[in-house]
Amino acid sequence: MKRPDLSLCSRCGRCLSVCPLYLETRLETYSPRGRIFLLEKGLKNHPSIRFCLRCGRCTMACPNRVRLAEYLALEPELSPPFPVKTAGSFLKGRDPSSSRKIPAPRSGSPTLFLSCGALYFYPEGTQKFIRRLQESGLDPGLSPPLCCGLPFLTLGWTSLFRQKALETLKALSDTRGPILVLCASCLWTLTDLYPLFFAGEPEEETVHEIVSRVGDALESALRHFPEAFPEGLVLHLSCHLRKNPRDIPFPTLSACCGAHHPFLPRPFREELLRSPPYLLATACTACYLKLKYSLSSPPDVRHWAEYLSV
């Protein structure tokens, strides 16, 4: 495993303007550079470390690209102190039979990464995306149901993360051509965490080969069928959607929603109130769950693929 180098932090403070927790508390200890200072002093149990959202916005603002989110994600003892929810509580109100309508795994190009969210939380969106790819003249493949492992890593269960990651690598090694991912957090895990986690290990070469083929499904949708999105849609740009798609033909909301934390950060609340959307789409399963159960309709919160016309 290769851990990011935190000593590259120059304490310039550019991260302060983008960190959701700092903007909420205005406390230096709850800023990215404050967390790095605490870690350097051995204060790993400080609440600021545990409550970090792992959103990675500080890295994008940092001139030295210090990867604090990845550092914390790969340290199991630094996982957030939140109780584990059962799958049943997350799936409450969902129709399990809808996931059975997803086609069986098949070869094709591009291959759609069938993540937990794509299978269980927004299967209708997954089906619409596949159909749209087919109508665009493509012959999409579909991976077997896979978990990138991030939920386990977030809880500090490194061994289970490794198990899920190895299963994912084995399945994706059998694919050809581009691999499209519907969830921004899965995308971040595959492209940012896997190379660090498997650095120096036998799987390293396989990881880099697969990562070179992984892409954002939203970017593919905007390129092939932008007309499929409805009027009045506002897209929430998830933090882990690092390279935001260009030429988005509708308004966006870029503030962090807080993901697995119970509150909606102040910047998100302020941006939401400035221009309340009626249709709100997101590109991340964690954001999808947070917004779905934090906001009452309107706005109607869905994964962007669920809004596609077919």
C-alpha atoms as a PDB file:
ATOM      1  CA  MET A   1       0.000   0.000   0.000  1.00  0.00           C
ATOM      2  CA  LYS A   2       1.200   3.499  -0.832  1.00  0.00           C
ATOM      3  CA  ARG A   3      -0.021   6.236   1.483  1.00  0.00           C
ATOM      4  CA  PRO A   4      -0.275   9.843   0.262  1.00  0.00           C
ATOM      5  CA  ASP A   5       2.420  12.225   1.502  1.00  0.00           C
ATOM      6  CA  LEU A   6       0.860  14.752   3.885  1.00  0.00           C
ATOM      7  CA  SER A   7       4.164  16.606   4.343  1.00  0.00           C
ATOM      8  CA  LEU A   8       3.491  18.320   1.000  1.00  0.00           C
ATOM      9  CA  CYS A   9       0.969  20.575   2.779  1.00  0.00           C
ATOM     10  CA  SER A  10       2.351  24.134   2.823  1.00  0.00           C
ATOM     11  CA  ARG A  11      -0.408  25.476   5.138  1.00  0.00           C
ATOM     12  CA  CYS A  12      -1.402  28.001   2.445  1.00  0.00           C
ATOM     13  CA  GLY A  13      -5.084  27.769   3.379  1.00  0.00           C
ATOM     14  CA  ARG A  14      -6.601  27.398  -0.084  1.00  0.00           C
ATOM     15  CA  CYS A  15      -8.469  24.373   1.218  1.00  0.00           C
ATOM     16  CA  LEU A  16     -10.433  26.487   3.703  1.00  0.00           C
ATOM     17  CA  SER A  17     -12.756  27.892   1.060  1.00  0.00           C
ATOM     18  CA  VAL A  18     -13.928  24.456  -0.109  1.00  0.00           C
ATOM     19  CA  CYS A  19     -14.013  22.281   3.040  1.00  0.00           C
ATOM     20  CA  PRO A  20     -17.673  21.709   4.069  1.00  0.00           C
ATOM     21  CA  LEU A  21     -16.826  21.113   7.732  1.00  0.00           C
ATOM     22  CA  TYR A  22     -14.653  24.201   8.030  1.00  0.00           C
ATOM     23  CA  LEU A  23     -17.321  26.337   6.358  1.00  0.00           C
ATOM     24  CA  GLU A  24     -19.876  24.930   8.805  1.00  0.00           C
ATOM     25  CA  THR A  25     -17.804  25.358  11.996  1.00  0.00           C
ATOM     26  CA  ARG A  26     -15.265  28.086  11.074  1.00  0.00           C
ATOM     27  CA  LEU A  27     -12.810  26.239  13.337  1.00  0.00           C
ATOM     28  CA  GLU A  28      -9.222  25.829  12.147  1.00  0.00           C
ATOM     29  CA  THR A  29      -9.010  22.344  13.651  1.00  0.00           C
ATOM     30  CA  TYR A  30     -11.874  21.298  11.344  1.00  0.00           C
ATOM     31  CA  SER A  31     -10.043  22.445   8.221  1.00  0.00           C
ATOM     32  CA  PRO A  32      -7.924  20.153   6.017  1.00  0.00           C
ATOM     33  CA  ARG A  33      -4.661  21.796   7.060  1.00  0.00           C
ATOM     34  CA  GLY A  34      -5.836  21.593  10.671  1.00  0.00           C
ATOM     35  CA  ARG A  35      -6.402  17.850  10.303  1.00  0.00           C
ATOM     36  CA  ILE A  36      -2.949  17.381   8.830  1.00  0.00           C
ATOM     37  CA  PHE A  37      -1.478  19.282  11.797  1.00  0.00           C
ATOM     38  CA  LEU A  38      -3.417  17.042  14.206  1.00  0.00           C
ATOM     39  CA  LEU A  39      -2.223  13.895  12.427  1.00  0.00           C
ATOM     40  CA  GLU A  40       1.380  15.085  12.521  1.00  0.00           C
ATOM     41  CA  LYS A  41       1.030  15.622  16.288  1.00  0.00           C
ATOM     42  CA  GLY A  42      -0.376  12.120  16.745  1.00  0.00           C
ATOM     43  CA  LEU A  43      -3.889  13.311  17.641  1.00  0.00           C
ATOM     44  CA  LYS A  44      -5.690  10.715  15.511  1.00  0.00           C
ATOM     45  CA  ASN A  45      -8.708  10.542  17.810  1.00  0.00           C
ATOM     46  CA  HIS A  46      -9.635  14.195  17.466  1.00  0.00           C
ATOM     47  CA  PRO A  47     -13.283  14.577  16.334  1.00  0.00           C
ATOM     48  CA  SER A  48     -12.137  16.579  13.310  1.00  0.00           C
ATOM     49  CA  ILE A  49     -10.364  13.513  11.913  1.00  0.00           C
ATOM     50  CA  ARG A  50     -13.354  11.271  12.395  1.00  0.00           C
ATOM     51  CA  PHE A  51     -15.869  13.722  10.996  1.00  0.00           C
ATOM     52  CA  CYS A  52     -13.942  14.461   7.796  1.00  0.00           C
ATOM     53  CA  LEU A  53     -16.284  13.752   4.874  1.00  0.00           C
ATOM     54  CA  ARG A  54     -13.513  12.279   2.677  1.00  0.00           C
ATOM     55  CA  CYS A  55     -14.965  14.375  -0.149  1.00  0.00           C
ATOM     56  CA  GLY A  56     -11.561  15.322  -1.597  1.00  0.00           C
ATOM     57  CA  ARG A  57     -12.464  18.945  -2.335  1.00  0.00           C
ATOM     58  CA  CYS A  58      -9.332  20.078  -0.497  1.00  0.00           C
ATOM     59  CA  THR A  59      -7.166  18.102  -2.923  1.00  0.00           C
ATOM     60  CA  MET A  60      -8.686  19.861  -5.915  1.00  0.00           C
ATOM     61  CA  ALA A  61      -8.004  23.272  -4.334  1.00  0.00           C
ATOM     62  CA  CYS A  62      -4.503  22.381  -3.121  1.00  0.00           C
ATOM     63  CA  PRO A  63      -1.585  23.590  -5.303  1.00  0.00           C
ATOM     64  CA  ASN A  64       0.417  20.547  -4.150  1.00  0.00           C
ATOM     65  CA  ARG A  65      -2.525  18.149  -4.578  1.00  0.00           C
ATOM     66  CA  VAL A  66      -2.199  16.743  -1.035  1.00  0.00           C
ATOM     67  CA  ARG A  67      -4.519  13.709  -1.002  1.00  0.00           C
ATOM     68  CA  LEU A  68      -5.945  13.893   2.509  1.00  0.00           C
ATOM     69  CA  ALA A  69      -9.195  12.081   1.652  1.00  0.00           C
ATOM     70  CA  GLU A  70      -7.326   9.077   0.293  1.00  0.00           C
ATOM     71  CA  TYR A  71      -4.966   9.065   3.290  1.00  0.00           C
ATOM     72  CA  LEU A  72      -7.860   8.942   5.745  1.00  0.00           C
ATOM     73  CA  ALA A  73      -9.829   6.404   3.705  1.00  0.00           C
ATOM     74  CA  LEU A  74      -6.889   3.976   3.723  1.00  0.00           C
ATOM     75  CA  GLU A  75      -6.382   4.230   7.506  1.00  0.00           C
ATOM     76  CA  PRO A  76      -8.917   1.848   9.120  1.00  0.00           C
ATOM     77  CA  GLU A  77      -8.409   3.277  12.626  1.00  0.00           C
ATOM     78  CA  LEU A  78      -9.508   6.688  11.334  1.00  0.00           C
ATOM     79  CA  SER A  79     -12.921   5.551  10.092  1.00  0.00           C
ATOM     80  CA  PRO A  80     -15.968   7.629  11.119  1.00  0.00           C
ATOM     81  CA  PRO A  81     -17.585   6.516  14.440  1.00  0.00           C
ATOM     82  CA  PHE A  82     -21.060   5.844  13.064  1.00  0.00           C
ATOM     83  CA  PRO A  83     -23.176   2.749  13.723  1.00  0.00           C
ATOM     84  CA  VAL A  84     -23.467   0.182  10.974  1.00  0.00           C
ATOM     85  CA  LYS A  85     -26.910   0.219   9.390  1.00  0.00           C
ATOM     86  CA  THR A  86     -28.402  -2.990   8.135  1.00  0.00           C
ATOM     87  CA  ALA A  87     -29.065  -3.486   4.461  1.00  0.00           C
ATOM     88  CA  GLY A  88     -32.743  -3.694   5.342  1.00  0.00           C
ATOM     89  CA  SER A  89     -32.835  -0.143   6.692  1.00  0.00           C
ATOM     90  CA  PHE A  90     -31.214   1.204   3.531  1.00  0.00           C
ATOM     91  CA  LEU A  91     -33.524  -0.818   1.301  1.00  0.00           C
ATOM     92  CA  LYS A  92     -36.692   0.119   3.173  1.00  0.00           C
ATOM     93  CA  GLY A  93     -39.308   1.235   0.708  1.00  0.00           C
ATOM     94  CA  ARG A  94     -37.411  -0.147  -2.280  1.00  0.00           C
ATOM     95  CA  ASP A  95     -38.837  -2.837  -4.539  1.00  0.00           C
ATOM     96  CA  PRO A  96     -36.353  -5.759  -4.565  1.00  0.00           C
ATOM     97  CA  SER A  97     -38.072  -7.262  -7.602  1.00  0.00           C
ATOM     98  CA  SER A  98     -37.011  -4.285  -9.726  1.00  0.00           C
ATOM     99  CA  SER A  99     -33.387  -5.426  -9.582  1.00  0.00           C
ATOM    100  CA  ARG A 100     -34.425  -8.727 -11.185  1.00  0.00           C
ATOM    101  CA  LYS A 101     -35.247  -6.845 -14.381  1.00  0.00           C
ATOM    102  CA  ILE A 102     -31.554  -6.047 -14.909  1.00  0.00           C
ATOM    103  CA  PRO A 103     -30.190  -8.170 -17.792  1.00  0.00           C
ATOM    104  CA  ALA A 104     -27.817 -11.023 -17.012  1.00  0.00           C
ATOM    105  CA  PRO A 105     -24.067 -10.313 -17.230  1.00  0.00           C
ATOM    106  CA  ARG A 106     -22.865 -10.262 -20.821  1.00  0.00           C
ATOM    107  CA  SER A 107     -19.836  -9.319 -22.874  1.00  0.00           C
ATOM    108  CA  GLY A 108     -19.830  -6.139 -24.895  1.00  0.00           C
ATOM    109  CA  SER A 109     -18.255  -2.742 -25.212  1.00  0.00           C
ATOM    110  CA  PRO A 110     -18.487  -0.553 -23.256  1.00  0.00           C
ATOM    111  CA  THR A 111     -19.017  -2.606 -20.093  1.00  0.00           C
ATOM    112  CA  LEU A 112     -21.328  -1.181 -17.445  1.00  0.00           C
ATOM    113  CA  PHE A 113     -20.041  -1.666 -13.894  1.00  0.00           C
ATOM    114  CA  LEU A 114     -23.032  -3.103 -12.007  1.00  0.00           C
ATOM    115  CA  SER A 115     -22.504  -1.580  -8.563  1.00  0.00           C
ATOM    116  CA  CYS A 116     -24.645  -1.963  -5.434  1.00  0.00           C
ATOM    117  CA  GLY A 117     -26.505   1.263  -6.187  1.00  0.00           C
ATOM    118  CA  ALA A 118     -27.041   0.424  -9.845  1.00  0.00           C
ATOM    119  CA  LEU A 119     -28.538  -2.930  -8.869  1.00  0.00           C
ATOM    120  CA  TYR A 120     -30.570  -2.138  -5.752  1.00  0.00           C
ATOM    121  CA  PHE A 121     -31.254   1.596  -5.462  1.00  0.00           C
ATOM    122  CA  TYR A 122     -31.795   2.823  -9.010  1.00  0.00           C
ATOM    123  CA  PRO A 123     -32.178  -0.310 -11.182  1.00  0.00           C
ATOM    124  CA  GLU A 124     -34.689   1.475 -13.429  1.00  0.00           C
ATOM    125  CA  GLY A 125     -32.005   4.044 -14.212  1.00  0.00           C
ATOM    126  CA  THR A 126     -29.535   1.267 -14.975  1.00  0.00           C
ATOM    127  CA  GLN A 127     -31.988  -0.289 -17.421  1.00  0.00           C
ATOM    128  CA  LYS A 128     -32.653   3.069 -19.091  1.00  0.00           C
ATOM    129  CA  PHE A 129     -28.944   3.757 -19.494  1.00  0.00           C
ATOM    130  CA  ILE A 130     -28.346   0.344 -21.085  1.00  0.00           C
ATOM    131  CA  ARG A 131     -31.271   0.866 -23.463  1.00  0.00           C
ATOM    132  CA  ARG A 132     -30.024   4.313 -24.439  1.00  0.00           C
ATOM    133  CA  LEU A 133     -26.555   2.951 -25.194  1.00  0.00           C
ATOM    134  CA  GLN A 134     -28.134   0.300 -27.408  1.00  0.00           C
ATOM    135  CA  GLU A 135     -30.264   2.897 -29.218  1.00  0.00           C
ATOM    136  CA  SER A 136     -27.075   4.881 -29.853  1.00  0.00           C
ATOM    137  CA  GLY A 137     -25.674   1.951 -31.828  1.00  0.00           C
ATOM    138  CA  LEU A 138     -23.431   0.577 -29.082  1.00  0.00           C
ATOM    139  CA  ASP A 139     -23.294  -3.018 -27.871  1.00  0.00           C
ATOM    140  CA  PRO A 140     -22.935  -2.566 -24.096  1.00  0.00           C
ATOM    141  CA  GLY A 141     -21.797  -5.356 -21.837  1.00  0.00           C
ATOM    142  CA  LEU A 142     -22.752  -5.775 -18.203  1.00  0.00           C
ATOM    143  CA  SER A 143     -20.546  -6.932 -15.354  1.00  0.00           C
ATOM    144  CA  PRO A 144     -21.840  -9.313 -12.693  1.00  0.00           C
ATOM    145  CA  PRO A 145     -23.094  -7.580  -9.520  1.00  0.00           C
ATOM    146  CA  LEU A 146     -20.022  -6.052  -7.867  1.00  0.00           C
ATOM    147  CA  CYS A 147     -19.122  -3.909  -4.865  1.00  0.00           C
ATOM    148  CA  CYS A 148     -16.089  -1.638  -5.110  1.00  0.00           C
ATOM    149  CA  GLY A 149     -15.591  -2.124  -1.351  1.00  0.00           C
ATOM    150  CA  LEU A 150     -15.806   1.510  -0.264  1.00  0.00           C
ATOM    151  CA  PRO A 151     -18.625   0.950   2.284  1.00  0.00           C
ATOM    152  CA  PHE A 152     -16.423  -1.572   4.097  1.00  0.00           C
ATOM    153  CA  LEU A 153     -13.370   0.673   3.960  1.00  0.00           C
ATOM    154  CA  THR A 154     -15.424   3.551   5.370  1.00  0.00           C
ATOM    155  CA  LEU A 155     -16.218   1.358   8.383  1.00  0.00           C
ATOM    156  CA  GLY A 156     -12.567   0.389   8.832  1.00  0.00           C
ATOM    157  CA  TRP A 157     -13.000  -3.172   7.553  1.00  0.00           C
ATOM    158  CA  THR A 158      -9.861  -3.367   5.430  1.00  0.00           C
ATOM    159  CA  SER A 159      -9.942  -7.137   4.964  1.00  0.00           C
ATOM    160  CA  LEU A 160     -13.474  -7.019   3.539  1.00  0.00           C
ATOM    161  CA  PHE A 161     -12.492  -4.093   1.320  1.00  0.00           C
ATOM    162  CA  ARG A 162      -9.617  -6.187  -0.057  1.00  0.00           C
ATOM    163  CA  GLN A 163     -11.953  -9.124  -0.648  1.00  0.00           C
ATOM    164  CA  LYS A 164     -14.456  -7.008  -2.582  1.00  0.00           C
ATOM    165  CA  ALA A 165     -11.692  -5.243  -4.498  1.00  0.00           C
ATOM    166  CA  LEU A 166     -10.143  -8.549  -5.576  1.00  0.00           C
ATOM    167  CA  GLU A 167     -13.551  -9.827  -6.730  1.00  0.00           C
ATOM    168  CA  THR A 168     -14.021  -6.630  -8.723  1.00  0.00           C
ATOM    169  CA  LEU A 169     -10.575  -6.841 -10.310  1.00  0.00           C
ATOM    170  CA  LYS A 170     -11.146 -10.468 -11.312  1.00  0.00           C
ATOM    171  CA  ALA A 171     -14.494  -9.688 -12.941  1.00  0.00           C
ATOM    172  CA  LEU A 172     -13.294  -6.557 -14.755  1.00  0.00           C
ATOM    173  CA  SER A 173     -10.162  -8.317 -16.012  1.00  0.00           C
ATOM    174  CA  ASP A 174     -12.438 -10.433 -18.196  1.00  0.00           C
ATOM    175  CA  THR A 175     -13.940  -7.381 -19.936  1.00  0.00           C
ATOM    176  CA  ARG A 176     -12.782  -5.535 -23.031  1.00  0.00           C
ATOM    177  CA  GLY A 177     -12.949  -1.880 -23.948  1.00  0.00           C
ATOM    178  CA  PRO A 178     -14.191   0.991 -21.760  1.00  0.00           C
ATOM    179  CA  ILE A 179     -15.762   0.375 -18.346  1.00  0.00           C
ATOM    180  CA  LEU A 180     -18.522   2.851 -17.455  1.00  0.00           C
ATOM    181  CA  VAL A 181     -19.415   3.566 -13.824  1.00  0.00           C
ATOM    182  CA  LEU A 182     -22.753   5.054 -12.702  1.00  0.00           C
ATOM    183  CA  CYS A 183     -21.628   5.970  -9.161  1.00  0.00           C
ATOM    184  CA  ALA A 184     -19.060   8.730  -8.575  1.00  0.00           C
ATOM    185  CA  SER A 185     -17.854   7.157  -5.314  1.00  0.00           C
ATOM    186  CA  CYS A 186     -17.271   3.830  -7.065  1.00  0.00           C
ATOM    187  CA  LEU A 187     -15.425   5.745  -9.772  1.00  0.00           C
ATOM    188  CA  TRP A 188     -13.216   7.424  -7.139  1.00  0.00           C
ATOM    189  CA  THR A 189     -12.541   4.110  -5.409  1.00  0.00           C
ATOM    190  CA  LEU A 190     -11.537   2.372  -8.635  1.00  0.00           C
ATOM    191  CA  THR A 191      -9.373   5.155 -10.054  1.00  0.00           C
ATOM    192  CA  ASP A 192      -7.923   6.749  -6.887  1.00  0.00           C
ATOM    193  CA  LEU A 193      -7.968   4.214  -4.037  1.00  0.00           C
ATOM    194  CA  TYR A 194      -7.204   0.946  -5.843  1.00  0.00           C
ATOM    195  CA  PRO A 195      -3.848   2.170  -7.247  1.00  0.00           C
ATOM    196  CA  LEU A 196      -2.774   3.279  -3.743  1.00  0.00           C
ATOM    197  CA  PHE A 197      -4.107   0.204  -1.946  1.00  0.00           C
ATOM    198  CA  PHE A 198      -2.491  -2.299  -4.324  1.00  0.00           C
ATOM    199  CA  ALA A 199       0.776  -0.393  -4.875  1.00  0.00           C
ATOM    200  CA  GLY A 200       3.713  -2.797  -4.660  1.00  0.00           C
ATOM    201  CA  GLU A 201       1.441  -5.853  -4.658  1.00  0.00           C
ATOM    202  CA  PRO A 202       0.958  -8.553  -7.335  1.00  0.00           C
ATOM    203  CA  GLU A 203      -2.312  -6.942  -8.430  1.00  0.00           C
ATOM    204  CA  GLU A 204      -0.731  -3.554  -9.166  1.00  0.00           C
ATOM    205  CA  GLU A 205      -0.327  -4.104 -12.916  1.00  0.00           C
ATOM    206  CA  THR A 206      -3.883  -5.417 -13.236  1.00  0.00           C
ATOM    207  CA  VAL A 207      -5.192  -2.381 -11.355  1.00  0.00           C
ATOM    208  CA  HIS A 208      -3.457   0.078 -13.669  1.00  0.00           C
ATOM    209  CA  GLU A 209      -4.701  -1.754 -16.781  1.00  0.00           C
ATOM    210  CA  ILE A 210      -8.288  -1.666 -15.531  1.00  0.00           C
ATOM    211  CA  VAL A 211      -8.089   1.944 -14.304  1.00  0.00           C
ATOM    212  CA  SER A 212      -6.928   3.022 -17.768  1.00  0.00           C
ATOM    213  CA  ARG A 213     -10.297   1.810 -19.124  1.00  0.00           C
ATOM    214  CA  VAL A 214     -12.606   3.135 -16.388  1.00  0.00           C
ATOM    215  CA  GLY A 215     -14.777   6.128 -17.248  1.00  0.00           C
ATOM    216  CA  ASP A 216     -17.740   8.152 -16.043  1.00  0.00           C
ATOM    217  CA  ALA A 217     -21.135   6.949 -17.301  1.00  0.00           C
ATOM    218  CA  LEU A 218     -22.562  10.468 -17.017  1.00  0.00           C
ATOM    219  CA  GLU A 219     -19.948  11.851 -19.367  1.00  0.00           C
ATOM    220  CA  SER A 220     -20.826   9.085 -21.839  1.00  0.00           C
ATOM    221  CA  ALA A 221     -24.540   9.909 -21.563  1.00  0.00           C
ATOM    222  CA  LEU A 222     -23.945  13.615 -22.164  1.00  0.00           C
ATOM    223  CA  ARG A 223     -21.836  12.794 -25.206  1.00  0.00           C
ATOM    224  CA  HIS A 224     -24.146  10.230 -26.823  1.00  0.00           C
ATOM    225  CA  PHE A 225     -27.675  11.337 -25.879  1.00  0.00           C
ATOM    226  CA  PRO A 226     -27.889  14.757 -24.153  1.00  0.00           C
ATOM    227  CA  GLU A 227     -31.433  15.132 -25.459  1.00  0.00           C
ATOM    228  CA  ALA A 228     -32.570  12.299 -23.154  1.00  0.00           C
ATOM    229  CA  PHE A 229     -32.466  14.529 -20.062  1.00  0.00           C
ATOM    230  CA  PRO A 230     -35.688  16.392 -19.127  1.00  0.00           C
ATOM    231  CA  GLU A 231     -36.111  20.153 -19.005  1.00  0.00           C
ATOM    232  CA  GLY A 232     -35.906  21.721 -15.554  1.00  0.00           C
ATOM    233  CA  LEU A 233     -33.321  19.236 -14.313  1.00  0.00           C
ATOM    234  CA  VAL A 234     -30.620  20.384 -11.877  1.00  0.00           C
ATOM    235  CA  LEU A 235     -27.562  18.136 -11.515  1.00  0.00           C
ATOM    236  CA  HIS A 236     -25.797  17.802  -8.174  1.00  0.00           C
ATOM    237  CA  LEU A 237     -22.082  17.522  -8.959  1.00  0.00           C
ATOM    238  CA  SER A 238     -20.906  14.937  -6.434  1.00  0.00           C
ATOM    239  CA  CYS A 239     -17.521  15.584  -4.814  1.00  0.00           C
ATOM    240  CA  HIS A 240     -16.074  12.306  -6.077  1.00  0.00           C
ATOM    241  CA  LEU A 241     -16.969  13.298  -9.618  1.00  0.00           C
ATOM    242  CA  ARG A 242     -13.524  14.904  -9.718  1.00  0.00           C
ATOM    243  CA  LYS A 243     -13.388  15.697 -13.410  1.00  0.00           C
ATOM    244  CA  ASN A 244     -16.816  17.177 -13.915  1.00  0.00           C
ATOM    245  CA  PRO A 245     -18.223  16.524 -17.403  1.00  0.00           C
ATOM    246  CA  ARG A 246     -17.922  19.430 -19.782  1.00  0.00           C
ATOM    247  CA  ASP A 247     -20.783  21.076 -21.635  1.00  0.00           C
ATOM    248  CA  ILE A 248     -23.499  20.122 -19.166  1.00  0.00           C
ATOM    249  CA  PRO A 249     -26.696  21.403 -20.846  1.00  0.00           C
ATOM    250  CA  PHE A 250     -28.573  22.146 -17.607  1.00  0.00           C
ATOM    251  CA  PRO A 251     -27.972  23.935 -14.276  1.00  0.00           C
ATOM    252  CA  THR A 252     -25.750  22.356 -11.634  1.00  0.00           C
ATOM    253  CA  LEU A 253     -25.469  22.396  -7.846  1.00  0.00           C
ATOM    254  CA  SER A 254     -21.857  21.925  -6.810  1.00  0.00           C
ATOM    255  CA  ALA A 255     -21.861  22.104  -2.985  1.00  0.00           C
ATOM    256  CA  CYS A 256     -21.073  18.993  -0.919  1.00  0.00           C
ATOM    257  CA  CYS A 257     -24.183  17.301   0.532  1.00  0.00           C
ATOM    258  CA  GLY A 258     -22.335  15.751   3.483  1.00  0.00           C
ATOM    259  CA  ALA A 259     -22.718  12.161   2.240  1.00  0.00           C
ATOM    260  CA  HIS A 260     -22.683   9.755   5.207  1.00  0.00           C
ATOM    261  CA  HIS A 261     -22.953  12.489   7.864  1.00  0.00           C
ATOM    262  CA  PRO A 262     -26.364  13.394   9.318  1.00  0.00           C
ATOM    263  CA  PHE A 263     -26.352  17.101   8.474  1.00  0.00           C
ATOM    264  CA  LEU A 264     -26.581  19.082   5.250  1.00  0.00           C
ATOM    265  CA  PRO A 265     -23.560  21.437   5.144  1.00  0.00           C
ATOM    266  CA  ARG A 266     -24.207  25.180   5.125  1.00  0.00           C
ATOM    267  CA  PRO A 267     -22.885  25.769   1.559  1.00  0.00           C
ATOM    268  CA  PHE A 268     -25.273  23.100   0.254  1.00  0.00           C
ATOM    269  CA  ARG A 269     -28.242  24.582   2.107  1.00  0.00           C
ATOM    270  CA  GLU A 270     -27.446  28.077   0.871  1.00  0.00           C
ATOM    271  CA  GLU A 271     -27.001  26.971  -2.744  1.00  0.00           C
ATOM    272  CA  LEU A 272     -30.200  24.936  -2.617  1.00  0.00           C
ATOM    273  CA  LEU A 273     -32.221  27.868  -1.266  1.00  0.00           C
ATOM    274  CA  ARG A 274     -30.860  30.334  -3.816  1.00  0.00           C
ATOM    275  CA  SER A 275     -32.487  28.450  -6.658  1.00  0.00           C
ATOM    276  CA  PRO A 276     -34.715  25.610  -5.406  1.00  0.00           C
ATOM    277  CA  PRO A 277     -34.849  22.859  -8.060  1.00  0.00           C
ATOM    278  CA  TYR A 278     -37.932  20.828  -8.884  1.00  0.00           C
ATOM    279  CA  LEU A 279     -35.968  17.908 -10.354  1.00  0.00           C
ATOM    280  CA  LEU A 280     -32.649  17.132  -8.634  1.00  0.00           C
ATOM    281  CA  ALA A 281     -30.311  14.489 -10.042  1.00  0.00           C
ATOM    282  CA  THR A 282     -27.123  13.137  -8.530  1.00  0.00           C
ATOM    283  CA  ALA A 283     -24.327  10.897  -9.772  1.00  0.00           C
ATOM    284  CA  CYS A 284     -23.342   9.181  -6.525  1.00  0.00           C
ATOM    285  CA  THR A 285     -25.065   6.465  -4.497  1.00  0.00           C
ATOM    286  CA  ALA A 286     -24.025   8.017  -1.160  1.00  0.00           C
ATOM    287  CA  CYS A 287     -25.350  11.420  -2.259  1.00  0.00           C
ATOM    288  CA  TYR A 288     -28.475   9.735  -3.625  1.00  0.00           C
ATOM    289  CA  LEU A 289     -29.235   8.155  -0.249  1.00  0.00           C
ATOM    290  CA  LYS A 290     -28.396  11.304   1.707  1.00  0.00           C
ATOM    291  CA  LEU A 291     -30.534  13.610  -0.436  1.00  0.00           C
ATOM    292  CA  LYS A 292     -33.353  11.105  -0.873  1.00  0.00           C
ATOM    293  CA  TYR A 293     -33.887  10.850   2.865  1.00  0.00           C
ATOM    294  CA  SER A 294     -32.919  14.417   3.855  1.00  0.00           C
ATOM    295  CA  LEU A 295     -35.074  16.418   1.442  1.00  0.00           C
ATOM    296  CA  SER A 296     -38.832  16.331   1.074  1.00  0.00           C
ATOM    297  CA  SER A 297     -40.325  16.637  -2.399  1.00  0.00           C
ATOM    298  CA  PRO A 298     -39.916  18.950  -4.161  1.00  0.00           C
ATOM    299  CA  PRO A 299     -37.257  18.480  -5.261  1.00  0.00           C
ATOM    300  CA  ASP A 300     -37.745  15.022  -6.670  1.00  0.00           C
ATOM    301  CA  VAL A 301     -34.357  13.394  -5.975  1.00  0.00           C
ATOM    302  CA  ARG A 302     -33.185  10.645  -8.324  1.00  0.00           C
ATOM    303  CA  HIS A 303     -30.043   9.272  -9.876  1.00  0.00           C
ATOM    304  CA  TRP A 304     -29.527  11.049 -13.198  1.00  0.00           C
ATOM    305  CA  ALA A 305     -30.025   7.796 -15.144  1.00  0.00           C
ATOM    306  CA  GLU A 306     -33.553   7.503 -13.737  1.00  0.00           C
ATOM    307  CA  TYR A 307     -34.459  10.748 -15.507  1.00  0.00           C
ATOM    308  CA  LEU A 308     -33.448   9.482 -18.960  1.00  0.00           C
ATOM    309  CA  SER A 309     -36.253   9.288 -21.491  1.00  0.00           C
ATOM    310  CA  VAL A 310     -36.490   5.999 -23.374  1.00  0.00           C
END
